[in-house]
């Protein structure tokens, strides 16, 4: 068998939500962290935050892929994304 060694294959498995997940859940982790600073979160609020952040990500990514932003613009993007929720 002749194998071309310059040819590479890549397989990516996205396991999260199917075979793997946070333990404890992300809700519990986030609630525990912010409680140390006197804040209280609800699961609904956390989910709404993730939803709003995803909407912002999709909006920006639809015009300019995040991977193509230079480091300054990428930092600004992630700062603004964190403010969206």
N, C-alpha and C. Protein backbone atom coordinates (compact mmCIF):
# COMPACT_ATOMS: atom_id res chain seq x y z
N UNK A 1 0.84 -1.18 0.00
CA UNK A 1 0.00 0.00 0.00
C UNK A 1 0.88 1.24 0.00
N UNK A 2 0.66 2.13 -0.92
CA UNK A 2 1.43 3.36 -1.04
C UNK A 2 0.64 4.48 -0.37
N UNK A 3 1.20 5.04 0.70
CA UNK A 3 0.52 6.11 1.44
C UNK A 3 1.26 7.42 1.20
N UNK A 4 0.53 8.41 0.75
CA UNK A 4 1.10 9.74 0.55
C UNK A 4 1.21 10.41 1.92
N UNK A 5 2.42 10.55 2.43
CA UNK A 5 2.63 11.07 3.79
C UNK A 5 2.37 12.57 3.90
N UNK A 6 2.28 13.27 2.77
CA UNK A 6 2.01 14.71 2.84
C UNK A 6 0.51 14.99 2.95
N UNK A 7 -0.31 13.99 2.74
CA UNK A 7 -1.75 14.14 2.84
C UNK A 7 -2.19 13.86 4.27
N UNK A 8 -2.87 14.82 4.87
CA UNK A 8 -3.30 14.66 6.26
C UNK A 8 -4.81 14.76 6.35
N UNK A 9 -5.36 14.00 7.23
CA UNK A 9 -6.79 14.03 7.48
C UNK A 9 -7.01 14.51 8.91
N UNK A 10 -8.10 15.19 9.11
CA UNK A 10 -8.43 15.69 10.42
C UNK A 10 -9.89 15.37 10.70
N UNK A 11 -10.13 14.79 11.83
CA UNK A 11 -11.49 14.50 12.26
C UNK A 11 -11.70 15.22 13.59
N UNK A 12 -12.78 15.98 13.67
CA UNK A 12 -13.10 16.71 14.89
C UNK A 12 -14.40 16.16 15.44
N UNK A 13 -14.40 15.83 16.71
CA UNK A 13 -15.59 15.35 17.39
C UNK A 13 -16.06 16.42 18.36
N UNK A 14 -17.30 16.83 18.23
CA UNK A 14 -17.90 17.76 19.18
C UNK A 14 -18.71 16.91 20.15
N UNK A 15 -18.14 16.63 21.29
CA UNK A 15 -18.76 15.73 22.26
C UNK A 15 -19.70 16.43 23.22
N UNK A 16 -19.50 17.74 23.42
CA UNK A 16 -20.26 18.43 24.46
C UNK A 16 -21.75 18.39 24.15
N UNK A 17 -22.50 18.02 25.13
CA UNK A 17 -23.95 17.95 24.99
C UNK A 17 -24.45 16.61 24.50
N UNK A 18 -23.54 15.77 24.06
CA UNK A 18 -23.94 14.43 23.62
C UNK A 18 -23.28 13.38 24.51
N UNK A 19 -21.97 13.33 24.50
CA UNK A 19 -21.25 12.34 25.31
C UNK A 19 -20.58 12.94 26.54
N UNK A 20 -20.45 14.25 26.58
CA UNK A 20 -19.78 14.90 27.69
C UNK A 20 -20.51 16.19 28.04
N UNK A 21 -20.39 16.60 29.28
CA UNK A 21 -20.95 17.87 29.70
C UNK A 21 -20.23 18.32 30.98
N UNK A 22 -20.52 19.55 31.40
CA UNK A 22 -19.91 20.05 32.62
C UNK A 22 -20.41 19.26 33.82
N UNK A 23 -19.52 19.05 34.76
CA UNK A 23 -19.91 18.43 36.02
C UNK A 23 -19.11 19.07 37.13
N UNK A 24 -19.70 19.89 37.97
CA UNK A 24 -21.12 20.25 38.01
C UNK A 24 -21.51 21.09 36.78
N UNK A 25 -22.81 21.30 36.63
CA UNK A 25 -23.32 22.02 35.46
C UNK A 25 -22.78 23.44 35.42
N UNK A 26 -22.80 24.04 34.23
CA UNK A 26 -22.30 25.41 34.10
C UNK A 26 -23.11 26.37 34.96
N UNK A 27 -24.40 26.10 35.13
CA UNK A 27 -25.23 26.94 35.98
C UNK A 27 -24.70 26.94 37.42
N UNK A 28 -24.44 25.75 37.94
CA UNK A 28 -23.95 25.62 39.32
C UNK A 28 -22.59 26.29 39.46
N UNK A 29 -21.70 26.08 38.50
CA UNK A 29 -20.37 26.70 38.54
C UNK A 29 -20.50 28.22 38.57
N UNK A 30 -21.29 28.77 37.66
CA UNK A 30 -21.41 30.23 37.58
C UNK A 30 -22.10 30.80 38.82
N UNK A 31 -23.12 30.13 39.31
CA UNK A 31 -23.80 30.60 40.52
C UNK A 31 -22.85 30.61 41.71
N UNK A 32 -22.01 29.59 41.83
CA UNK A 32 -21.05 29.52 42.94
C UNK A 32 -20.01 30.63 42.85
N UNK A 33 -19.53 30.90 41.65
CA UNK A 33 -18.51 31.93 41.49
C UNK A 33 -19.06 33.30 41.85
N UNK A 34 -20.20 33.67 41.29
CA UNK A 34 -20.72 35.02 41.53
C UNK A 34 -21.25 35.19 42.95
N UNK A 35 -21.64 34.11 43.59
CA UNK A 35 -22.13 34.23 44.97
C UNK A 35 -21.02 34.71 45.90
N UNK A 36 -19.77 34.43 45.56
CA UNK A 36 -18.63 34.90 46.36
C UNK A 36 -18.50 36.42 46.32
N UNK A 37 -19.14 37.05 45.32
CA UNK A 37 -19.10 38.50 45.18
C UNK A 37 -20.44 39.13 45.55
N UNK A 38 -21.34 38.33 46.13
CA UNK A 38 -22.62 38.85 46.59
C UNK A 38 -23.71 38.89 45.55
N UNK A 39 -23.52 38.25 44.41
CA UNK A 39 -24.54 38.24 43.36
C UNK A 39 -25.30 36.92 43.36
N UNK A 40 -26.53 36.97 42.85
CA UNK A 40 -27.33 35.77 42.68
C UNK A 40 -27.75 35.66 41.22
N UNK A 41 -27.61 34.49 40.66
CA UNK A 41 -28.03 34.23 39.28
C UNK A 41 -29.15 33.21 39.27
N UNK A 42 -29.98 33.30 38.24
CA UNK A 42 -30.98 32.28 38.02
C UNK A 42 -30.59 31.49 36.77
N UNK A 43 -31.07 30.27 36.69
CA UNK A 43 -30.81 29.46 35.49
C UNK A 43 -31.39 30.15 34.27
N UNK A 44 -32.56 30.75 34.40
CA UNK A 44 -33.18 31.46 33.28
C UNK A 44 -32.31 32.63 32.83
N UNK A 45 -31.76 33.36 33.78
CA UNK A 45 -30.89 34.49 33.44
C UNK A 45 -29.61 34.04 32.75
N UNK A 46 -29.04 32.96 33.23
CA UNK A 46 -27.83 32.42 32.60
C UNK A 46 -28.14 31.99 31.17
N UNK A 47 -29.24 31.29 30.97
CA UNK A 47 -29.61 30.85 29.63
C UNK A 47 -29.89 32.02 28.70
N UNK A 48 -30.55 33.06 29.22
CA UNK A 48 -30.83 34.25 28.43
C UNK A 48 -29.51 34.94 28.03
N UNK A 49 -28.55 34.97 28.95
CA UNK A 49 -27.25 35.55 28.67
C UNK A 49 -26.53 34.82 27.55
N UNK A 50 -26.54 33.49 27.62
CA UNK A 50 -25.92 32.71 26.55
C UNK A 50 -26.63 32.94 25.21
N UNK A 51 -27.95 33.05 25.24
CA UNK A 51 -28.72 33.29 24.02
C UNK A 51 -28.35 34.63 23.40
N UNK A 52 -28.28 35.69 24.24
CA UNK A 52 -27.94 37.02 23.73
C UNK A 52 -26.51 37.06 23.21
N UNK A 53 -25.60 36.41 23.91
CA UNK A 53 -24.20 36.37 23.45
C UNK A 53 -24.10 35.64 22.11
N UNK A 54 -24.85 34.57 21.95
CA UNK A 54 -24.82 33.82 20.69
C UNK A 54 -25.38 34.66 19.55
N UNK A 55 -26.45 35.42 19.82
CA UNK A 55 -27.01 36.30 18.79
C UNK A 55 -25.97 37.33 18.33
N UNK A 56 -25.26 37.93 19.30
CA UNK A 56 -24.23 38.91 18.97
C UNK A 56 -23.11 38.25 18.17
N UNK A 57 -22.66 37.08 18.60
CA UNK A 57 -21.61 36.35 17.89
C UNK A 57 -22.03 36.09 16.45
N UNK A 58 -23.24 35.58 16.27
CA UNK A 58 -23.73 35.26 14.92
C UNK A 58 -23.83 36.51 14.04
N UNK A 59 -24.29 37.62 14.62
CA UNK A 59 -24.41 38.86 13.86
C UNK A 59 -23.05 39.32 13.35
N UNK A 60 -22.07 39.40 14.23
CA UNK A 60 -20.73 39.85 13.84
C UNK A 60 -20.10 38.85 12.88
N UNK A 61 -20.21 37.58 13.20
CA UNK A 61 -19.58 36.54 12.40
C UNK A 61 -20.18 36.45 10.99
N UNK A 62 -21.42 36.90 10.82
CA UNK A 62 -22.06 36.85 9.51
C UNK A 62 -21.47 37.86 8.54
N UNK A 63 -20.86 38.92 9.04
CA UNK A 63 -20.26 39.93 8.17
C UNK A 63 -18.75 39.76 8.05
N UNK A 64 -18.11 39.43 9.15
CA UNK A 64 -16.66 39.19 9.16
C UNK A 64 -16.39 38.03 10.09
N UNK A 65 -15.91 36.92 9.56
CA UNK A 65 -15.62 35.79 10.45
C UNK A 65 -14.67 36.20 11.58
N UNK A 66 -15.00 35.82 12.79
CA UNK A 66 -14.21 36.18 13.96
C UNK A 66 -12.76 35.76 13.78
N UNK A 67 -12.55 34.63 13.15
CA UNK A 67 -11.19 34.12 12.95
C UNK A 67 -10.34 35.03 12.06
N UNK A 68 -10.98 35.92 11.31
CA UNK A 68 -10.24 36.82 10.42
C UNK A 68 -10.00 38.20 11.02
N UNK A 69 -10.51 38.44 12.22
CA UNK A 69 -10.28 39.73 12.87
C UNK A 69 -8.84 39.78 13.39
N UNK A 70 -8.22 40.96 13.31
CA UNK A 70 -6.90 41.08 13.91
C UNK A 70 -7.05 41.04 15.43
N UNK A 71 -5.96 40.93 16.15
CA UNK A 71 -6.05 40.70 17.60
C UNK A 71 -6.75 41.85 18.33
N UNK A 72 -6.53 43.10 17.90
CA UNK A 72 -7.19 44.23 18.56
C UNK A 72 -8.70 44.17 18.36
N UNK A 73 -9.14 43.93 17.12
CA UNK A 73 -10.57 43.85 16.83
C UNK A 73 -11.20 42.63 17.50
N UNK A 74 -10.46 41.54 17.58
CA UNK A 74 -10.97 40.34 18.24
C UNK A 74 -11.16 40.60 19.73
N UNK A 75 -10.21 41.29 20.35
CA UNK A 75 -10.34 41.64 21.77
C UNK A 75 -11.55 42.53 22.00
N UNK A 76 -11.75 43.50 21.12
CA UNK A 76 -12.91 44.39 21.23
C UNK A 76 -14.20 43.58 21.06
N UNK A 77 -14.19 42.67 20.09
CA UNK A 77 -15.37 41.82 19.87
C UNK A 77 -15.72 41.04 21.13
N UNK A 78 -14.74 40.36 21.74
CA UNK A 78 -15.04 39.55 22.92
C UNK A 78 -15.43 40.41 24.12
N UNK A 79 -14.87 41.60 24.22
CA UNK A 79 -15.29 42.53 25.27
C UNK A 79 -16.75 42.90 25.09
N UNK A 80 -17.13 43.24 23.84
CA UNK A 80 -18.53 43.59 23.57
C UNK A 80 -19.45 42.40 23.72
N UNK A 81 -18.97 41.22 23.36
CA UNK A 81 -19.80 40.02 23.52
C UNK A 81 -20.07 39.77 25.00
N UNK A 82 -19.08 39.96 25.85
CA UNK A 82 -19.30 39.75 27.28
C UNK A 82 -20.27 40.77 27.85
N UNK A 83 -20.35 41.91 27.23
CA UNK A 83 -21.31 42.95 27.68
C UNK A 83 -22.72 42.67 27.21
N UNK A 84 -22.85 41.77 26.21
CA UNK A 84 -24.18 41.53 25.64
C UNK A 84 -25.05 40.69 26.57
N UNK A 85 -24.44 40.07 27.57
CA UNK A 85 -25.24 39.28 28.49
C UNK A 85 -24.98 39.65 29.87
